[in-house]
Amino acid sequence: MIWIRSAIFNIVFFAWTTVVVVVAIPVLAMSERAMVAYARGWSRSVLLLLRVICGLRYRVVGREKVPKGGFIIACKHQSAWDTIAFFC
């Protein structure tokens, strides 16, 4: 069952990302803030796809310890998930 769900997710992910990229072309002419908001929306939609199709659930622990302002996240990148999740 895991292989089937993974295959379905990959098909939906690449199809959805293709649509998002094509629709994003006009967004490139907008402000940086608009582009970041658009990209954040894409990353949230991917996390939603992961939850619905693959059943992936997660929780954030220690968010209150993140400092105000700029900071650096250093992680080992075990998968592409953390890159998408950190953008949200």
PDB file of N, CA and C in Angstrom:
ATOM      1  N   MET A   1       0.830  -1.202   0.000  1.00  0.00           N
ATOM      2  CA  MET A   1       0.000   0.000   0.000  1.00  0.00           C
ATOM      3  C   MET A   1       0.867   1.257   0.000  1.00  0.00           C
ATOM      4  N   ILE A   2       2.006   1.217   0.680  1.00  0.00           N
ATOM      5  CA  ILE A   2       2.883   2.389   0.740  1.00  0.00           C
ATOM      6  C   ILE A   2       3.357   2.776  -0.657  1.00  0.00           C
ATOM      7  N   TRP A   3       3.700   1.782  -1.472  1.00  0.00           N
ATOM      8  CA  TRP A   3       4.194   2.063  -2.825  1.00  0.00           C
ATOM      9  C   TRP A   3       3.115   2.707  -3.682  1.00  0.00           C
ATOM     10  N   ILE A   4       1.890   2.254  -3.520  1.00  0.00           N
ATOM     11  CA  ILE A   4       0.788   2.819  -4.305  1.00  0.00           C
ATOM     12  C   ILE A   4       0.543   4.262  -3.899  1.00  0.00           C
ATOM     13  N   ARG A   5       0.505   4.518  -2.590  1.00  0.00           N
ATOM     14  CA  ARG A   5       0.288   5.890  -2.114  1.00  0.00           C
ATOM     15  C   ARG A   5       1.432   6.801  -2.532  1.00  0.00           C
ATOM     16  N   SER A   6       2.644   6.293  -2.487  1.00  0.00           N
ATOM     17  CA  SER A   6       3.803   7.082  -2.912  1.00  0.00           C
ATOM     18  C   SER A   6       3.730   7.406  -4.399  1.00  0.00           C
ATOM     19  N   ALA A   7       3.342   6.428  -5.198  1.00  0.00           N
ATOM     20  CA  ALA A   7       3.219   6.655  -6.649  1.00  0.00           C
ATOM     21  C   ALA A   7       2.125   7.674  -6.943  1.00  0.00           C
ATOM     22  N   ILE A   8       0.997   7.544  -6.261  1.00  0.00           N
ATOM     23  CA  ILE A   8      -0.092   8.511  -6.455  1.00  0.00           C
ATOM     24  C   ILE A   8       0.368   9.905  -6.048  1.00  0.00           C
ATOM     25  N   PHE A   9       1.044   9.997  -4.898  1.00  0.00           N
ATOM     26  CA  PHE A   9       1.527  11.311  -4.472  1.00  0.00           C
ATOM     27  C   PHE A   9       2.476  11.909  -5.501  1.00  0.00           C
ATOM     28  N   ASN A  10       3.412  11.118  -6.015  1.00  0.00           N
ATOM     29  CA  ASN A  10       4.365  11.644  -6.993  1.00  0.00           C
ATOM     30  C   ASN A  10       3.665  12.153  -8.250  1.00  0.00           C
ATOM     31  N   ILE A  11       2.703  11.419  -8.741  1.00  0.00           N
ATOM     32  CA  ILE A  11       1.971  11.851  -9.931  1.00  0.00           C
ATOM     33  C   ILE A  11       1.230  13.154  -9.664  1.00  0.00           C
ATOM     34  N   VAL A  12       0.502  13.210  -8.552  1.00  0.00           N
ATOM     35  CA  VAL A  12      -0.254  14.422  -8.206  1.00  0.00           C
ATOM     36  C   VAL A  12       0.690  15.582  -7.918  1.00  0.00           C
ATOM     37  N   PHE A  13       1.789  15.318  -7.204  1.00  0.00           N
ATOM     38  CA  PHE A  13       2.756  16.372  -6.872  1.00  0.00           C
ATOM     39  C   PHE A  13       3.332  17.015  -8.129  1.00  0.00           C
ATOM     40  N   PHE A  14       3.803  16.210  -9.071  1.00  0.00           N
ATOM     41  CA  PHE A  14       4.415  16.780 -10.268  1.00  0.00           C
ATOM     42  C   PHE A  14       3.386  17.463 -11.160  1.00  0.00           C
ATOM     43  N   ALA A  15       2.182  16.919 -11.244  1.00  0.00           N
ATOM     44  CA  ALA A  15       1.130  17.578 -12.025  1.00  0.00           C
ATOM     45  C   ALA A  15       0.756  18.917 -11.387  1.00  0.00           C
ATOM     46  N   TRP A  16       0.563  18.921 -10.067  1.00  0.00           N
ATOM     47  CA  TRP A  16       0.193  20.148  -9.351  1.00  0.00           C
ATOM     48  C   TRP A  16       1.306  21.191  -9.449  1.00  0.00           C
ATOM     49  N   THR A  17       2.539  20.765  -9.280  1.00  0.00           N
ATOM     50  CA  THR A  17       3.670  21.693  -9.342  1.00  0.00           C
ATOM     51  C   THR A  17       3.792  22.287 -10.738  1.00  0.00           C
ATOM     52  N   THR A  18       3.517  21.509 -11.770  1.00  0.00           N
ATOM     53  CA  THR A  18       3.541  22.031 -13.138  1.00  0.00           C
ATOM     54  C   THR A  18       2.499  23.121 -13.317  1.00  0.00           C
ATOM     55  N   VAL A  19       1.305  22.891 -12.820  1.00  0.00           N
ATOM     56  CA  VAL A  19       0.246  23.901 -12.902  1.00  0.00           C
ATOM     57  C   VAL A  19       0.647  25.152 -12.126  1.00  0.00           C
ATOM     58  N   VAL A  20       1.169  24.974 -10.929  1.00  0.00           N
ATOM     59  CA  VAL A  20       1.560  26.113 -10.092  1.00  0.00           C
ATOM     60  C   VAL A  20       2.656  26.933 -10.769  1.00  0.00           C
ATOM     61  N   VAL A  21       3.609  26.275 -11.399  1.00  0.00           N
ATOM     62  CA  VAL A  21       4.705  26.984 -12.066  1.00  0.00           C
ATOM     63  C   VAL A  21       4.187  27.784 -13.259  1.00  0.00           C
ATOM     64  N   VAL A  22       3.316  27.195 -14.048  1.00  0.00           N
ATOM     65  CA  VAL A  22       2.769  27.897 -15.215  1.00  0.00           C
ATOM     66  C   VAL A  22       1.941  29.103 -14.776  1.00  0.00           C
ATOM     67  N   VAL A  23       1.122  28.931 -13.767  1.00  0.00           N
ATOM     68  CA  VAL A  23       0.304  30.034 -13.254  1.00  0.00           C
ATOM     69  C   VAL A  23       1.180  31.103 -12.601  1.00  0.00           C
ATOM     70  N   ALA A  24       2.349  30.729 -12.112  1.00  0.00           N
ATOM     71  CA  ALA A  24       3.237  31.657 -11.405  1.00  0.00           C
ATOM     72  C   ALA A  24       3.962  32.625 -12.332  1.00  0.00           C
ATOM     73  N   ILE A  25       3.933  32.398 -13.621  1.00  0.00           N
ATOM     74  CA  ILE A  25       4.664  33.271 -14.533  1.00  0.00           C
ATOM     75  C   ILE A  25       4.282  34.738 -14.355  1.00  0.00           C
ATOM     76  N   PRO A  26       2.994  35.100 -14.281  1.00  0.00           N
ATOM     77  CA  PRO A  26       2.655  36.512 -14.027  1.00  0.00           C
ATOM     78  C   PRO A  26       3.090  37.008 -12.647  1.00  0.00           C
ATOM     79  N   VAL A  27       3.194  36.091 -11.689  1.00  0.00           N
ATOM     80  CA  VAL A  27       3.598  36.478 -10.329  1.00  0.00           C
ATOM     81  C   VAL A  27       5.037  36.992 -10.328  1.00  0.00           C
ATOM     82  N   LEU A  28       5.839  36.536 -11.278  1.00  0.00           N
ATOM     83  CA  LEU A  28       7.229  36.992 -11.355  1.00  0.00           C
ATOM     84  C   LEU A  28       7.338  38.497 -11.567  1.00  0.00           C
ATOM     85  N   ALA A  29       6.320  39.092 -12.161  1.00  0.00           N
ATOM     86  CA  ALA A  29       6.323  40.545 -12.388  1.00  0.00           C
ATOM     87  C   ALA A  29       5.882  41.323 -11.151  1.00  0.00           C
ATOM     88  N   MET A  30       5.413  40.619 -10.140  1.00  0.00           N
ATOM     89  CA  MET A  30       4.937  41.268  -8.915  1.00  0.00           C
ATOM     90  C   MET A  30       6.090  41.462  -7.935  1.00  0.00           C
ATOM     91  N   SER A  31       5.753  41.933  -6.770  1.00  0.00           N
ATOM     92  CA  SER A  31       6.772  42.199  -5.753  1.00  0.00           C
ATOM     93  C   SER A  31       7.346  40.900  -5.186  1.00  0.00           C
ATOM     94  N   GLU A  32       8.476  41.041  -4.518  1.00  0.00           N
ATOM     95  CA  GLU A  32       9.107  39.881  -3.875  1.00  0.00           C
ATOM     96  C   GLU A  32       8.176  39.298  -2.826  1.00  0.00           C
ATOM     97  N   ARG A  33       7.473  40.149  -2.144  1.00  0.00           N
ATOM     98  CA  ARG A  33       6.544  39.700  -1.105  1.00  0.00           C
ATOM     99  C   ARG A  33       5.441  38.817  -1.698  1.00  0.00           C
ATOM    100  N   ALA A  34       4.945  39.199  -2.874  1.00  0.00           N
ATOM    101  CA  ALA A  34       3.910  38.406  -3.549  1.00  0.00           C
ATOM    102  C   ALA A  34       4.468  37.053  -3.979  1.00  0.00           C
ATOM    103  N   MET A  35       5.703  37.044  -4.468  1.00  0.00           N
ATOM    104  CA  MET A  35       6.316  35.782  -4.895  1.00  0.00           C
ATOM    105  C   MET A  35       6.522  34.840  -3.708  1.00  0.00           C
ATOM    106  N   VAL A  36       6.959  35.388  -2.584  1.00  0.00           N
ATOM    107  CA  VAL A  36       7.167  34.558  -1.388  1.00  0.00           C
ATOM    108  C   VAL A  36       5.836  34.003  -0.893  1.00  0.00           C
ATOM    109  N   ALA A  37       4.796  34.828  -0.911  1.00  0.00           N
ATOM    110  CA  ALA A  37       3.471  34.363  -0.488  1.00  0.00           C
ATOM    111  C   ALA A  37       2.968  33.251  -1.406  1.00  0.00           C
ATOM    112  N   TYR A  38       3.203  33.400  -2.697  1.00  0.00           N
ATOM    113  CA  TYR A  38       2.794  32.384  -3.666  1.00  0.00           C
ATOM    114  C   TYR A  38       3.546  31.073  -3.420  1.00  0.00           C
ATOM    115  N   ALA A  39       4.842  31.167  -3.205  1.00  0.00           N
ATOM    116  CA  ALA A  39       5.657  29.976  -2.937  1.00  0.00           C
ATOM    117  C   ALA A  39       5.246  29.321  -1.618  1.00  0.00           C
ATOM    118  N   ARG A  40       4.912  30.127  -0.630  1.00  0.00           N
ATOM    119  CA  ARG A  40       4.469  29.580   0.657  1.00  0.00           C
ATOM    120  C   ARG A  40       3.139  28.838   0.481  1.00  0.00           C
ATOM    121  N   GLY A  41       2.270  29.373  -0.367  1.00  0.00           N
ATOM    122  CA  GLY A  41       1.011  28.690  -0.658  1.00  0.00           C
ATOM    123  C   GLY A  41       1.242  27.339  -1.322  1.00  0.00           C
ATOM    124  N   TRP A  42       2.219  27.299  -2.244  1.00  0.00           N
ATOM    125  CA  TRP A  42       2.556  26.030  -2.884  1.00  0.00           C
ATOM    126  C   TRP A  42       3.060  25.025  -1.847  1.00  0.00           C
ATOM    127  N   SER A  43       3.955  25.470  -0.960  1.00  0.00           N
ATOM    128  CA  SER A  43       4.507  24.538   0.026  1.00  0.00           C
ATOM    129  C   SER A  43       3.417  24.041   0.978  1.00  0.00           C
ATOM    130  N   ARG A  44       2.473  24.892   1.343  1.00  0.00           N
ATOM    131  CA  ARG A  44       1.365  24.441   2.190  1.00  0.00           C
ATOM    132  C   ARG A  44       0.495  23.432   1.456  1.00  0.00           C
ATOM    133  N   SER A  45       0.290  23.661   0.165  1.00  0.00           N
ATOM    134  CA  SER A  45      -0.525  22.719  -0.606  1.00  0.00           C
ATOM    135  C   SER A  45       0.174  21.360  -0.725  1.00  0.00           C
ATOM    136  N   VAL A  46       1.487  21.353  -0.839  1.00  0.00           N
ATOM    137  CA  VAL A  46       2.225  20.086  -0.906  1.00  0.00           C
ATOM    138  C   VAL A  46       2.104  19.339   0.420  1.00  0.00           C
ATOM    139  N   LEU A  47       2.189  20.053   1.525  1.00  0.00           N
ATOM    140  CA  LEU A  47       2.024  19.404   2.830  1.00  0.00           C
ATOM    141  C   LEU A  47       0.609  18.845   2.983  1.00  0.00           C
ATOM    142  N   LEU A  48      -0.373  19.550   2.421  1.00  0.00           N
ATOM    143  CA  LEU A  48      -1.747  19.049   2.445  1.00  0.00           C
ATOM    144  C   LEU A  48      -1.860  17.772   1.610  1.00  0.00           C
ATOM    145  N   LEU A  49      -1.238  17.760   0.433  1.00  0.00           N
ATOM    146  CA  LEU A  49      -1.236  16.549  -0.393  1.00  0.00           C
ATOM    147  C   LEU A  49      -0.601  15.375   0.357  1.00  0.00           C
ATOM    148  N   LEU A  50       0.492  15.640   1.042  1.00  0.00           N
ATOM    149  CA  LEU A  50       1.151  14.586   1.819  1.00  0.00           C
ATOM    150  C   LEU A  50       0.239  14.036   2.907  1.00  0.00           C
ATOM    151  N   ARG A  51      -0.506  14.928   3.548  1.00  0.00           N
ATOM    152  CA  ARG A  51      -1.403  14.483   4.613  1.00  0.00           C
ATOM    153  C   ARG A  51      -2.564  13.667   4.040  1.00  0.00           C
ATOM    154  N   VAL A  52      -3.162  14.157   2.945  1.00  0.00           N
ATOM    155  CA  VAL A  52      -4.336  13.493   2.386  1.00  0.00           C
ATOM    156  C   VAL A  52      -3.972  12.177   1.699  1.00  0.00           C
ATOM    157  N   ILE A  53      -2.935  12.191   0.877  1.00  0.00           N
ATOM    158  CA  ILE A  53      -2.592  11.014   0.086  1.00  0.00           C
ATOM    159  C   ILE A  53      -1.757  10.008   0.876  1.00  0.00           C
ATOM    160  N   CYS A  54      -0.744  10.497   1.571  1.00  0.00           N
ATOM    161  CA  CYS A  54       0.190   9.591   2.255  1.00  0.00           C
ATOM    162  C   CYS A  54      -0.111   9.408   3.733  1.00  0.00           C
ATOM    163  N   GLY A  55      -0.985  10.240   4.293  1.00  0.00           N
ATOM    164  CA  GLY A  55      -1.292  10.136   5.715  1.00  0.00           C
ATOM    165  C   GLY A  55      -0.206  10.696   6.605  1.00  0.00           C
ATOM    166  N   LEU A  56       0.671  11.533   6.055  1.00  0.00           N
ATOM    167  CA  LEU A  56       1.784  12.087   6.811  1.00  0.00           C
ATOM    168  C   LEU A  56       1.293  13.186   7.754  1.00  0.00           C
ATOM    169  N   ARG A  57       1.557  13.014   9.004  1.00  0.00           N
ATOM    170  CA  ARG A  57       1.205  14.031  10.013  1.00  0.00           C
ATOM    171  C   ARG A  57       2.495  14.438  10.715  1.00  0.00           C
ATOM    172  N   TYR A  58       2.527  15.682  11.161  1.00  0.00           N
ATOM    173  CA  TYR A  58       3.699  16.173  11.868  1.00  0.00           C
ATOM    174  C   TYR A  58       3.258  17.193  12.901  1.00  0.00           C
ATOM    175  N   ARG A  59       4.130  17.471  13.822  1.00  0.00           N
ATOM    176  CA  ARG A  59       3.876  18.536  14.799  1.00  0.00           C
ATOM    177  C   ARG A  59       5.160  19.301  15.009  1.00  0.00           C
ATOM    178  N   VAL A  60       5.013  20.563  15.294  1.00  0.00           N
ATOM    179  CA  VAL A  60       6.165  21.438  15.510  1.00  0.00           C
ATOM    180  C   VAL A  60       6.357  21.598  17.012  1.00  0.00           C
ATOM    181  N   VAL A  61       7.563  21.337  17.475  1.00  0.00           N
ATOM    182  CA  VAL A  61       7.889  21.452  18.889  1.00  0.00           C
ATOM    183  C   VAL A  61       8.984  22.499  19.037  1.00  0.00           C
ATOM    184  N   GLY A  62       8.822  23.418  19.959  1.00  0.00           N
ATOM    185  CA  GLY A  62       9.856  24.408  20.240  1.00  0.00           C
ATOM    186  C   GLY A  62       9.770  25.682  19.428  1.00  0.00           C
ATOM    187  N   ARG A  63       8.631  25.922  18.797  1.00  0.00           N
ATOM    188  CA  ARG A  63       8.479  27.136  17.988  1.00  0.00           C
ATOM    189  C   ARG A  63       8.677  28.400  18.834  1.00  0.00           C
ATOM    190  N   GLU A  64       8.338  28.327  20.099  1.00  0.00           N
ATOM    191  CA  GLU A  64       8.486  29.499  20.977  1.00  0.00           C
ATOM    192  C   GLU A  64       9.950  29.859  21.204  1.00  0.00           C
ATOM    193  N   LYS A  65      10.865  28.948  20.909  1.00  0.00           N
ATOM    194  CA  LYS A  65      12.291  29.212  21.101  1.00  0.00           C
ATOM    195  C   LYS A  65      12.946  29.863  19.881  1.00  0.00           C
ATOM    196  N   VAL A  66      12.201  29.974  18.786  1.00  0.00           N
ATOM    197  CA  VAL A  66      12.747  30.600  17.586  1.00  0.00           C
ATOM    198  C   VAL A  66      12.828  32.110  17.830  1.00  0.00           C
ATOM    199  N   PRO A  67      13.995  32.713  17.633  1.00  0.00           N
ATOM    200  CA  PRO A  67      14.150  34.138  17.918  1.00  0.00           C
ATOM    201  C   PRO A  67      13.392  35.001  16.911  1.00  0.00           C
ATOM    202  N   LYS A  68      13.043  36.191  17.336  1.00  0.00           N
ATOM    203  CA  LYS A  68      12.433  37.174  16.438  1.00  0.00           C
ATOM    204  C   LYS A  68      13.507  37.646  15.467  1.00  0.00           C
ATOM    205  N   GLY A  69      13.097  37.989  14.267  1.00  0.00           N
ATOM    206  CA  GLY A  69      14.065  38.459  13.283  1.00  0.00           C
ATOM    207  C   GLY A  69      14.655  37.295  12.496  1.00  0.00           C
ATOM    208  N   GLY A  70      15.824  37.502  11.947  1.00  0.00           N
ATOM    209  CA  GLY A  70      16.465  36.494  11.113  1.00  0.00           C
ATOM    210  C   GLY A  70      17.125  35.398  11.918  1.00  0.00           C
ATOM    211  N   PHE A  71      17.193  34.228  11.332  1.00  0.00           N
ATOM    212  CA  PHE A  71      17.874  33.102  11.958  1.00  0.00           C
ATOM    213  C   PHE A  71      18.226  32.096  10.881  1.00  0.00           C
ATOM    214  N   ILE A  72      19.056  31.149  11.222  1.00  0.00           N
ATOM    215  CA  ILE A  72      19.482  30.108  10.301  1.00  0.00           C
ATOM    216  C   ILE A  72      18.994  28.763  10.819  1.00  0.00           C
ATOM    217  N   ILE A  73      18.450  27.959   9.914  1.00  0.00           N
ATOM    218  CA  ILE A  73      18.048  26.600  10.260  1.00  0.00           C
ATOM    219  C   ILE A  73      19.091  25.659   9.670  1.00  0.00           C
ATOM    220  N   ALA A  74      19.728  24.879  10.501  1.00  0.00           N
ATOM    221  CA  ALA A  74      20.713  23.900  10.036  1.00  0.00           C
ATOM    222  C   ALA A  74      20.125  22.511  10.247  1.00  0.00           C
ATOM    223  N   CYS A  75      19.958  21.777   9.163  1.00  0.00           N
ATOM    224  CA  CYS A  75      19.403  20.433   9.279  1.00  0.00           C
ATOM    225  C   CYS A  75      20.165  19.485   8.357  1.00  0.00           C
ATOM    226  N   LYS A  76      19.948  18.204   8.532  1.00  0.00           N
ATOM    227  CA  LYS A  76      20.690  17.197   7.771  1.00  0.00           C
ATOM    228  C   LYS A  76      20.025  16.831   6.452  1.00  0.00           C
ATOM    229  N   HIS A  77      18.855  17.346   6.163  1.00  0.00           N
ATOM    230  CA  HIS A  77      18.121  17.048   4.939  1.00  0.00           C
ATOM    231  C   HIS A  77      18.010  15.558   4.685  1.00  0.00           C
ATOM    232  N   GLN A  78      17.305  14.889   5.550  1.00  0.00           N
ATOM    233  CA  GLN A  78      17.044  13.464   5.386  1.00  0.00           C
ATOM    234  C   GLN A  78      16.137  13.223   4.185  1.00  0.00           C
ATOM    235  N   SER A  79      15.354  14.241   3.812  1.00  0.00           N
ATOM    236  CA  SER A  79      14.469  14.153   2.653  1.00  0.00           C
ATOM    237  C   SER A  79      14.177  15.572   2.178  1.00  0.00           C
ATOM    238  N   ALA A  80      13.347  15.674   1.156  1.00  0.00           N
ATOM    239  CA  ALA A  80      12.950  17.000   0.652  1.00  0.00           C
ATOM    240  C   ALA A  80      11.860  17.612   1.527  1.00  0.00           C
ATOM    241  N   TRP A  81      11.268  16.816   2.406  1.00  0.00           N
ATOM    242  CA  TRP A  81      10.165  17.302   3.228  1.00  0.00           C
ATOM    243  C   TRP A  81      10.562  18.505   4.070  1.00  0.00           C
ATOM    244  N   ASP A  82      11.726  18.444   4.711  1.00  0.00           N
ATOM    245  CA  ASP A  82      12.106  19.531   5.613  1.00  0.00           C
ATOM    246  C   ASP A  82      12.283  20.850   4.862  1.00  0.00           C
ATOM    247  N   THR A  83      12.743  20.798   3.622  1.00  0.00           N
ATOM    248  CA  THR A  83      12.894  22.022   2.841  1.00  0.00           C
ATOM    249  C   THR A  83      11.533  22.671   2.592  1.00  0.00           C
ATOM    250  N   ILE A  84      10.551  21.856   2.273  1.00  0.00           N
ATOM    251  CA  ILE A  84       9.199  22.367   2.024  1.00  0.00           C
ATOM    252  C   ILE A  84       8.560  22.829   3.324  1.00  0.00           C
ATOM    253  N   ALA A  85       8.697  22.050   4.377  1.00  0.00           N
ATOM    254  CA  ALA A  85       8.056  22.378   5.650  1.00  0.00           C
ATOM    255  C   ALA A  85       8.630  23.639   6.280  1.00  0.00           C
ATOM    256  N   PHE A  86       9.934  23.840   6.203  1.00  0.00           N
ATOM    257  CA  PHE A  86      10.546  25.026   6.800  1.00  0.00           C
ATOM    258  C   PHE A  86      10.079  26.293   6.102  1.00  0.00           C
ATOM    259  N   PHE A  87       9.706  26.204   4.843  1.00  0.00           N
ATOM    260  CA  PHE A  87       9.256  27.393   4.130  1.00  0.00           C
ATOM    261  C   PHE A  87       7.907  27.869   4.643  1.00  0.00           C
ATOM    262  N   CYS A  88       7.110  26.938   5.154  1.00  0.00           N
ATOM    263  CA  CYS A  88       5.813  27.330   5.714  1.00  0.00           C
ATOM    264  C   CYS A  88       6.004  28.092   7.013  1.00  0.00           C
TER     265      CYS A  88
END
